[in-house]
N, C-alpha and C. Protein backbone atom coordinates (compact mmCIF):
# COMPACT_ATOMS: atom_id res chain seq x y z
N MET A 1 -0.44 -16.27 28.71
CA MET A 1 -0.33 -16.54 27.28
C MET A 1 0.65 -15.53 26.68
N SER A 2 1.60 -16.00 25.90
CA SER A 2 2.59 -15.11 25.32
C SER A 2 2.11 -14.58 23.98
N LYS A 3 2.73 -13.48 23.59
CA LYS A 3 2.38 -12.84 22.32
C LYS A 3 2.98 -13.61 21.16
N PRO A 4 2.28 -13.66 20.02
CA PRO A 4 2.87 -14.33 18.87
C PRO A 4 3.95 -13.44 18.27
N PRO A 5 5.15 -13.98 18.03
CA PRO A 5 6.18 -13.16 17.40
C PRO A 5 5.84 -12.91 15.95
N LEU A 6 6.38 -11.81 15.42
CA LEU A 6 6.10 -11.47 14.03
C LEU A 6 6.65 -12.50 13.07
N SER A 7 7.69 -13.22 13.46
CA SER A 7 8.30 -14.17 12.55
C SER A 7 7.57 -15.51 12.52
N SER A 8 6.59 -15.71 13.40
CA SER A 8 5.86 -16.98 13.39
C SER A 8 5.00 -17.05 12.14
N PRO A 9 4.72 -18.27 11.68
CA PRO A 9 3.95 -18.41 10.44
C PRO A 9 2.48 -18.06 10.64
N LEU A 10 2.18 -16.80 10.59
CA LEU A 10 0.80 -16.33 10.69
C LEU A 10 0.24 -16.19 9.29
N PRO A 11 -1.05 -16.30 9.14
CA PRO A 11 -1.62 -16.06 7.82
C PRO A 11 -1.37 -14.61 7.42
N PRO A 12 -1.32 -14.34 6.12
CA PRO A 12 -1.09 -12.96 5.70
C PRO A 12 -2.21 -12.06 6.21
N PRO A 13 -1.88 -10.80 6.47
CA PRO A 13 -2.91 -9.91 6.99
C PRO A 13 -4.01 -9.73 5.95
N PRO A 14 -5.22 -9.57 6.42
CA PRO A 14 -6.30 -9.32 5.47
C PRO A 14 -6.07 -8.00 4.74
N LEU A 15 -6.65 -7.89 3.58
CA LEU A 15 -6.49 -6.69 2.76
C LEU A 15 -6.89 -5.43 3.52
N TRP A 16 -7.86 -5.55 4.39
CA TRP A 16 -8.36 -4.36 5.07
C TRP A 16 -7.34 -3.77 6.05
N GLU A 17 -6.35 -4.52 6.50
CA GLU A 17 -5.38 -3.94 7.43
C GLU A 17 -4.60 -2.80 6.80
N GLY A 18 -4.19 -2.95 5.56
CA GLY A 18 -3.50 -1.87 4.86
C GLY A 18 -4.42 -0.69 4.63
N GLU A 19 -5.67 -0.98 4.29
CA GLU A 19 -6.65 0.09 4.08
C GLU A 19 -6.95 0.82 5.38
N HIS A 20 -7.11 0.06 6.47
CA HIS A 20 -7.39 0.70 7.76
C HIS A 20 -6.19 1.48 8.27
N LEU A 21 -4.99 0.97 8.02
CA LEU A 21 -3.79 1.73 8.38
C LEU A 21 -3.83 3.09 7.71
N TRP A 22 -4.15 3.12 6.43
CA TRP A 22 -4.23 4.38 5.69
C TRP A 22 -5.32 5.28 6.26
N LEU A 23 -6.48 4.71 6.56
CA LEU A 23 -7.58 5.51 7.12
C LEU A 23 -7.22 6.06 8.49
N TYR A 24 -6.53 5.27 9.31
CA TYR A 24 -6.09 5.75 10.63
C TYR A 24 -5.14 6.92 10.48
N LEU A 25 -4.21 6.82 9.53
CA LEU A 25 -3.27 7.92 9.29
C LEU A 25 -4.01 9.19 8.91
N LEU A 26 -4.96 9.06 8.00
CA LEU A 26 -5.74 10.23 7.57
C LEU A 26 -6.56 10.80 8.73
N ALA A 27 -7.14 9.93 9.54
CA ALA A 27 -7.93 10.39 10.69
C ALA A 27 -7.08 11.13 11.70
N LEU A 28 -5.80 10.77 11.79
CA LEU A 28 -4.90 11.44 12.72
C LEU A 28 -4.34 12.75 12.16
N GLY A 29 -4.68 13.07 10.90
CA GLY A 29 -4.25 14.33 10.31
C GLY A 29 -3.07 14.21 9.37
N PHE A 30 -2.73 13.01 8.95
CA PHE A 30 -1.63 12.82 8.01
C PHE A 30 -1.98 13.47 6.68
N GLU A 31 -1.06 14.26 6.15
CA GLU A 31 -1.27 14.94 4.87
C GLU A 31 -0.28 14.40 3.86
N PRO A 32 -0.74 13.54 2.96
CA PRO A 32 0.17 12.92 1.99
C PRO A 32 0.93 13.94 1.13
N ALA A 33 0.27 15.00 0.73
CA ALA A 33 0.94 15.99 -0.12
C ALA A 33 2.08 16.66 0.63
N GLY A 34 1.86 16.99 1.87
CA GLY A 34 2.90 17.61 2.68
C GLY A 34 4.04 16.66 2.98
N ALA A 35 3.71 15.40 3.20
CA ALA A 35 4.74 14.40 3.49
C ALA A 35 5.61 14.13 2.28
N ALA A 36 5.02 14.21 1.10
CA ALA A 36 5.75 13.91 -0.14
C ALA A 36 6.51 15.12 -0.67
N ALA A 37 6.35 16.27 -0.04
CA ALA A 37 6.95 17.49 -0.58
C ALA A 37 8.47 17.42 -0.67
N ARG A 38 9.12 16.72 0.27
CA ARG A 38 10.58 16.68 0.28
C ARG A 38 11.15 15.46 -0.44
N LYS A 39 10.30 14.59 -0.97
CA LYS A 39 10.78 13.38 -1.63
C LYS A 39 10.49 13.43 -3.12
N VAL A 40 11.27 12.69 -3.88
CA VAL A 40 11.01 12.56 -5.31
C VAL A 40 9.76 11.72 -5.47
N PRO A 41 8.69 12.25 -6.10
CA PRO A 41 7.41 11.55 -6.16
C PRO A 41 7.48 10.12 -6.71
N MET A 42 8.38 9.84 -7.66
CA MET A 42 8.39 8.49 -8.20
C MET A 42 9.00 7.48 -7.23
N HIS A 43 9.74 7.94 -6.22
CA HIS A 43 10.32 7.04 -5.23
C HIS A 43 9.43 6.86 -4.01
N LEU A 44 8.45 7.69 -3.82
CA LEU A 44 7.61 7.64 -2.64
C LEU A 44 6.22 7.17 -3.02
N ARG A 45 5.82 6.07 -2.42
CA ARG A 45 4.46 5.55 -2.62
C ARG A 45 3.72 5.68 -1.30
N LEU A 46 2.65 6.44 -1.29
CA LEU A 46 1.80 6.55 -0.12
C LEU A 46 0.40 6.11 -0.50
N GLY A 47 -0.31 5.53 0.43
CA GLY A 47 -1.67 5.07 0.16
C GLY A 47 -1.91 3.74 0.83
N PRO A 48 -3.07 3.17 0.62
CA PRO A 48 -3.44 1.91 1.28
C PRO A 48 -2.49 0.75 0.98
N ASN A 49 -1.82 0.78 -0.16
CA ASN A 49 -0.92 -0.31 -0.56
C ASN A 49 0.55 0.06 -0.43
N MET A 50 0.87 1.09 0.34
CA MET A 50 2.24 1.59 0.38
C MET A 50 3.25 0.60 0.92
N PHE A 51 2.83 -0.36 1.73
CA PHE A 51 3.77 -1.32 2.30
C PHE A 51 3.59 -2.72 1.73
N ASP A 52 2.91 -2.84 0.61
CA ASP A 52 2.80 -4.15 -0.03
C ASP A 52 4.19 -4.66 -0.43
N ARG A 53 5.05 -3.74 -0.80
CA ARG A 53 6.46 -4.02 -1.10
C ARG A 53 7.29 -3.11 -0.19
N PRO A 54 8.55 -3.44 0.03
CA PRO A 54 9.37 -2.58 0.88
C PRO A 54 9.35 -1.12 0.41
N ASN A 55 9.16 -0.21 1.35
CA ASN A 55 9.03 1.21 1.04
C ASN A 55 9.67 2.00 2.18
N ARG A 56 10.96 2.14 2.10
CA ARG A 56 11.74 2.77 3.17
C ARG A 56 11.33 4.23 3.41
N ASP A 57 11.11 4.98 2.34
CA ASP A 57 10.72 6.39 2.50
C ASP A 57 9.39 6.52 3.24
N ALA A 58 8.42 5.72 2.85
CA ALA A 58 7.11 5.77 3.53
C ALA A 58 7.26 5.33 4.98
N PHE A 59 8.10 4.34 5.23
CA PHE A 59 8.34 3.90 6.61
C PHE A 59 8.86 5.05 7.46
N HIS A 60 9.84 5.79 6.96
CA HIS A 60 10.39 6.92 7.72
C HIS A 60 9.32 7.95 8.01
N ILE A 61 8.57 8.33 6.99
CA ILE A 61 7.57 9.39 7.12
C ILE A 61 6.43 8.97 8.03
N VAL A 62 5.89 7.78 7.79
CA VAL A 62 4.73 7.30 8.57
C VAL A 62 5.12 7.03 10.02
N SER A 63 6.26 6.40 10.23
CA SER A 63 6.69 6.11 11.61
C SER A 63 6.89 7.39 12.41
N PHE A 64 7.61 8.34 11.82
CA PHE A 64 7.84 9.60 12.53
C PHE A 64 6.52 10.31 12.83
N PHE A 65 5.61 10.29 11.86
CA PHE A 65 4.30 10.91 12.07
C PHE A 65 3.57 10.26 13.25
N LEU A 66 3.54 8.92 13.28
CA LEU A 66 2.81 8.22 14.34
C LEU A 66 3.47 8.44 15.70
N PHE A 67 4.79 8.37 15.75
CA PHE A 67 5.47 8.62 17.02
C PHE A 67 5.25 10.06 17.50
N SER A 68 5.23 11.01 16.57
CA SER A 68 5.00 12.40 16.97
C SER A 68 3.58 12.61 17.47
N LYS A 69 2.63 11.86 16.94
CA LYS A 69 1.25 11.94 17.43
C LYS A 69 1.12 11.32 18.82
N LEU A 70 1.94 10.32 19.08
CA LEU A 70 1.90 9.65 20.37
C LEU A 70 2.50 10.53 21.46
N ASP A 71 3.67 11.11 21.19
CA ASP A 71 4.34 11.99 22.16
C ASP A 71 5.35 12.84 21.40
N GLU A 72 4.93 14.04 21.02
CA GLU A 72 5.74 14.89 20.14
C GLU A 72 7.08 15.27 20.75
N SER A 73 7.11 15.66 22.00
CA SER A 73 8.38 16.09 22.59
C SER A 73 9.35 14.91 22.71
N HIS A 74 8.86 13.76 23.12
CA HIS A 74 9.73 12.58 23.21
C HIS A 74 10.20 12.16 21.82
N CYS A 75 9.33 12.25 20.85
CA CYS A 75 9.67 11.91 19.47
C CYS A 75 10.81 12.80 18.96
N ASN A 76 10.68 14.09 19.18
CA ASN A 76 11.72 15.02 18.73
C ASN A 76 13.05 14.75 19.43
N GLU A 77 12.99 14.35 20.70
CA GLU A 77 14.21 14.04 21.43
C GLU A 77 14.85 12.74 20.92
N VAL A 78 14.04 11.71 20.76
CA VAL A 78 14.55 10.39 20.34
C VAL A 78 15.13 10.43 18.93
N PHE A 79 14.47 11.12 18.03
CA PHE A 79 14.87 11.12 16.62
C PHE A 79 15.66 12.36 16.19
N ARG A 80 16.14 13.16 17.14
CA ARG A 80 16.78 14.43 16.79
C ARG A 80 18.02 14.26 15.92
N PHE A 81 18.74 13.16 16.06
CA PHE A 81 19.96 12.97 15.29
C PHE A 81 19.79 12.00 14.12
N CYS A 82 18.59 11.45 13.96
CA CYS A 82 18.45 10.42 12.91
C CYS A 82 17.21 10.61 12.03
N PHE A 83 16.52 11.72 12.14
CA PHE A 83 15.39 11.97 11.24
C PHE A 83 15.52 13.35 10.62
N PRO A 84 15.40 13.44 9.32
CA PRO A 84 15.25 12.34 8.37
C PRO A 84 16.58 11.65 8.14
N PRO A 85 16.56 10.32 7.98
CA PRO A 85 17.82 9.59 7.75
C PRO A 85 18.50 10.04 6.46
N ALA A 86 19.77 10.39 6.57
CA ALA A 86 20.51 10.90 5.42
C ALA A 86 21.50 9.88 4.86
N ASP A 87 21.85 8.89 5.68
CA ASP A 87 22.81 7.89 5.23
C ASP A 87 22.50 6.56 5.94
N LYS A 88 23.33 5.56 5.70
CA LYS A 88 23.08 4.24 6.28
C LYS A 88 23.15 4.26 7.80
N LYS A 89 24.06 5.05 8.34
CA LYS A 89 24.21 5.10 9.79
C LYS A 89 22.97 5.71 10.46
N THR A 90 22.47 6.82 9.94
CA THR A 90 21.28 7.43 10.54
C THR A 90 20.03 6.59 10.27
N ASP A 91 20.00 5.90 9.13
CA ASP A 91 18.88 5.00 8.85
C ASP A 91 18.86 3.85 9.86
N SER A 92 20.02 3.30 10.14
CA SER A 92 20.14 2.23 11.13
C SER A 92 19.71 2.71 12.52
N GLU A 93 20.14 3.90 12.89
CA GLU A 93 19.76 4.47 14.18
C GLU A 93 18.26 4.73 14.25
N PHE A 94 17.68 5.21 13.16
CA PHE A 94 16.23 5.45 13.11
C PHE A 94 15.48 4.14 13.32
N ARG A 95 15.87 3.09 12.63
CA ARG A 95 15.22 1.78 12.77
C ARG A 95 15.37 1.26 14.19
N LYS A 96 16.54 1.44 14.79
CA LYS A 96 16.78 0.98 16.16
C LYS A 96 15.86 1.71 17.13
N GLN A 97 15.76 3.02 16.98
CA GLN A 97 14.90 3.81 17.87
C GLN A 97 13.43 3.42 17.71
N CYS A 98 13.01 3.19 16.47
CA CYS A 98 11.62 2.74 16.22
C CYS A 98 11.36 1.41 16.91
N CYS A 99 12.28 0.50 16.73
CA CYS A 99 12.14 -0.83 17.33
C CYS A 99 12.07 -0.74 18.86
N ASP A 100 12.96 0.03 19.46
CA ASP A 100 12.98 0.17 20.92
C ASP A 100 11.69 0.76 21.45
N TRP A 101 11.20 1.81 20.79
CA TRP A 101 9.97 2.47 21.26
C TRP A 101 8.77 1.53 21.07
N LEU A 102 8.72 0.84 19.95
CA LEU A 102 7.61 -0.08 19.72
C LEU A 102 7.65 -1.26 20.69
N ARG A 103 8.82 -1.68 21.10
CA ARG A 103 8.91 -2.73 22.11
C ARG A 103 8.35 -2.25 23.44
N LYS A 104 8.61 -1.00 23.79
CA LYS A 104 8.04 -0.45 25.03
C LYS A 104 6.52 -0.41 24.93
N ILE A 105 6.01 -0.01 23.78
CA ILE A 105 4.55 0.00 23.57
C ILE A 105 4.01 -1.41 23.67
N SER A 106 4.70 -2.35 23.05
CA SER A 106 4.28 -3.75 23.09
C SER A 106 4.23 -4.27 24.52
N ASP A 107 5.23 -3.94 25.31
CA ASP A 107 5.25 -4.35 26.71
C ASP A 107 4.10 -3.73 27.49
N GLU A 108 3.81 -2.47 27.19
CA GLU A 108 2.74 -1.76 27.88
C GLU A 108 1.36 -2.35 27.56
N TYR A 109 1.14 -2.73 26.30
CA TYR A 109 -0.16 -3.22 25.88
C TYR A 109 -0.31 -4.73 26.04
N GLY A 110 0.76 -5.43 26.29
CA GLY A 110 0.68 -6.87 26.51
C GLY A 110 0.21 -7.63 25.28
N ASN A 111 -0.71 -8.54 25.47
CA ASN A 111 -1.19 -9.40 24.39
C ASN A 111 -2.02 -8.67 23.35
N ASN A 112 -2.36 -7.41 23.58
CA ASN A 112 -3.14 -6.65 22.61
C ASN A 112 -2.27 -6.01 21.53
N PHE A 113 -0.97 -6.28 21.58
CA PHE A 113 -0.04 -5.72 20.61
C PHE A 113 0.94 -6.82 20.23
N LEU A 114 1.37 -6.82 19.00
CA LEU A 114 2.32 -7.83 18.53
C LEU A 114 3.67 -7.66 19.19
N SER A 115 4.41 -8.77 19.30
CA SER A 115 5.80 -8.62 19.75
C SER A 115 6.59 -8.04 18.58
N VAL A 116 7.59 -7.27 18.91
CA VAL A 116 8.33 -6.52 17.89
C VAL A 116 9.71 -7.14 17.69
N GLN A 117 10.01 -7.50 16.45
CA GLN A 117 11.31 -8.07 16.09
C GLN A 117 12.07 -7.04 15.25
N ALA A 118 13.34 -6.86 15.54
CA ALA A 118 14.15 -5.87 14.82
C ALA A 118 14.22 -6.18 13.33
N SER A 119 14.18 -7.45 12.96
CA SER A 119 14.34 -7.84 11.56
C SER A 119 13.22 -7.30 10.66
N VAL A 120 12.06 -7.02 11.22
CA VAL A 120 10.95 -6.52 10.40
C VAL A 120 11.24 -5.13 9.85
N PHE A 121 12.18 -4.40 10.47
CA PHE A 121 12.50 -3.04 10.02
C PHE A 121 13.60 -3.00 8.96
N LEU A 122 14.26 -4.13 8.72
CA LEU A 122 15.31 -4.16 7.71
C LEU A 122 14.78 -3.93 6.31
N SER A 123 13.61 -4.46 6.06
CA SER A 123 12.96 -4.30 4.77
C SER A 123 11.50 -3.93 5.05
N PRO A 124 11.23 -2.64 5.26
CA PRO A 124 9.91 -2.23 5.74
C PRO A 124 8.81 -2.37 4.70
N GLY A 125 8.24 -3.55 4.67
CA GLY A 125 7.15 -3.85 3.76
C GLY A 125 6.76 -5.30 3.92
N GLY A 126 5.65 -5.68 3.32
CA GLY A 126 5.19 -7.05 3.39
C GLY A 126 4.15 -7.26 4.48
N PRO A 127 3.59 -8.46 4.54
CA PRO A 127 2.47 -8.74 5.43
C PRO A 127 2.74 -8.50 6.91
N MET A 128 3.89 -8.93 7.41
CA MET A 128 4.16 -8.76 8.84
C MET A 128 4.38 -7.29 9.19
N PHE A 129 5.02 -6.56 8.29
CA PHE A 129 5.24 -5.14 8.53
C PHE A 129 3.90 -4.38 8.49
N ILE A 130 3.03 -4.73 7.56
CA ILE A 130 1.71 -4.11 7.48
C ILE A 130 0.95 -4.36 8.77
N ARG A 131 1.01 -5.60 9.26
CA ARG A 131 0.30 -5.94 10.50
C ARG A 131 0.84 -5.12 11.67
N LEU A 132 2.16 -4.98 11.77
CA LEU A 132 2.76 -4.20 12.85
C LEU A 132 2.35 -2.73 12.75
N MET A 133 2.43 -2.15 11.57
CA MET A 133 2.08 -0.74 11.41
C MET A 133 0.58 -0.51 11.64
N TYR A 134 -0.24 -1.45 11.24
CA TYR A 134 -1.68 -1.35 11.50
C TYR A 134 -1.93 -1.30 13.01
N HIS A 135 -1.32 -2.21 13.76
CA HIS A 135 -1.51 -2.22 15.21
C HIS A 135 -0.95 -0.95 15.86
N PHE A 136 0.18 -0.48 15.34
CA PHE A 136 0.77 0.75 15.87
C PHE A 136 -0.14 1.94 15.61
N ALA A 137 -0.65 2.08 14.39
CA ALA A 137 -1.54 3.20 14.06
C ALA A 137 -2.83 3.12 14.88
N ARG A 138 -3.33 1.92 15.07
CA ARG A 138 -4.55 1.73 15.88
C ARG A 138 -4.29 2.17 17.32
N CYS A 139 -3.15 1.80 17.86
CA CYS A 139 -2.76 2.19 19.22
C CYS A 139 -2.67 3.71 19.34
N VAL A 140 -2.06 4.36 18.36
CA VAL A 140 -1.93 5.82 18.38
C VAL A 140 -3.30 6.48 18.27
N LEU A 141 -4.15 5.96 17.41
CA LEU A 141 -5.50 6.53 17.26
C LEU A 141 -6.29 6.41 18.55
N LEU A 142 -6.24 5.25 19.19
CA LEU A 142 -6.95 5.07 20.47
C LEU A 142 -6.38 5.99 21.54
N HIS A 143 -5.07 6.14 21.57
CA HIS A 143 -4.43 7.06 22.53
C HIS A 143 -4.91 8.49 22.27
N HIS A 144 -4.97 8.86 21.00
CA HIS A 144 -5.42 10.20 20.62
C HIS A 144 -6.87 10.42 21.06
N ILE A 145 -7.71 9.45 20.85
CA ILE A 145 -9.12 9.57 21.24
C ILE A 145 -9.24 9.72 22.75
N LYS A 146 -8.46 8.94 23.48
CA LYS A 146 -8.53 8.97 24.94
C LYS A 146 -7.99 10.27 25.54
N THR A 147 -6.98 10.85 24.92
CA THR A 147 -6.32 11.99 25.54
C THR A 147 -6.62 13.34 24.90
N ASP A 148 -6.77 13.38 23.60
CA ASP A 148 -6.86 14.66 22.92
C ASP A 148 -8.22 14.98 22.31
N SER A 149 -9.13 14.09 22.46
CA SER A 149 -10.41 14.26 21.77
C SER A 149 -11.27 15.35 22.41
N ALA A 150 -11.87 16.14 21.57
CA ALA A 150 -12.82 17.16 22.06
C ALA A 150 -14.04 16.48 22.66
N ILE A 151 -14.38 15.32 22.17
CA ILE A 151 -15.53 14.59 22.71
C ILE A 151 -15.28 14.25 24.17
N LYS A 152 -14.07 13.85 24.51
CA LYS A 152 -13.74 13.54 25.89
C LYS A 152 -13.93 14.78 26.76
N HIS A 153 -13.47 15.92 26.25
CA HIS A 153 -13.61 17.16 27.01
C HIS A 153 -15.09 17.49 27.22
N ILE A 154 -15.87 17.37 26.19
CA ILE A 154 -17.30 17.64 26.29
C ILE A 154 -17.96 16.66 27.26
N TRP A 155 -17.60 15.38 27.12
CA TRP A 155 -18.19 14.37 27.99
C TRP A 155 -17.83 14.63 29.43
N LYS A 156 -16.57 14.97 29.72
CA LYS A 156 -16.15 15.27 31.08
C LYS A 156 -16.91 16.49 31.62
N HIS A 157 -17.06 17.50 30.76
CA HIS A 157 -17.76 18.70 31.17
C HIS A 157 -19.21 18.39 31.52
N ASN A 158 -19.90 17.63 30.68
CA ASN A 158 -21.29 17.30 30.93
C ASN A 158 -21.46 16.46 32.19
N VAL A 159 -20.58 15.53 32.42
CA VAL A 159 -20.68 14.68 33.60
C VAL A 159 -20.39 15.49 34.85
N SER A 160 -19.41 16.38 34.81
CA SER A 160 -19.05 17.13 36.01
C SER A 160 -20.08 18.21 36.37
N THR A 161 -20.84 18.69 35.39
CA THR A 161 -21.83 19.73 35.70
C THR A 161 -23.24 19.18 35.85
N GLN A 162 -23.41 17.90 35.56
CA GLN A 162 -24.73 17.31 35.66
C GLN A 162 -25.10 17.12 37.12
N GLU A 163 -26.33 17.48 37.45
CA GLU A 163 -26.80 17.31 38.82
C GLU A 163 -27.56 16.00 38.92
N PHE A 164 -27.29 15.27 39.98
CA PHE A 164 -27.98 14.01 40.21
C PHE A 164 -28.95 14.18 41.36
N GLU A 165 -30.13 13.62 41.21
CA GLU A 165 -31.14 13.75 42.26
C GLU A 165 -31.19 12.51 43.12
């Protein structure tokens, strides 16, 4: 079974996807005040409804944050010449790198992740973009739980020291 493309006529994402995207970001340690420090506050909208309309600044900040949580060293290498985007050329390169990396993630997760279309990054907002970012944030959160969680360390420690009779 193939993955549904983002451009297919899917119903709009439920309201909770934007809210859960925001909660996932906060759970991963996203600090809105720190993220907004370098931007003019009236141009930057962060929160559960940040992608209801196109929001390029939030896209840059949130995407870089999620990629850095997934693999910080690779993120710094991939985005070293295009983050933060300063002009149209670096913005285009940033979008291209995001698209390429998300396609690799999509291939890795198979049907559990949406197929990624480059056109969704041209105007970062709206229902399909929210759905993509929700799935991306969910993927990063699950990766974080599996690899970096203190609970995993505790669980491994308890299992390895437990004696079985």
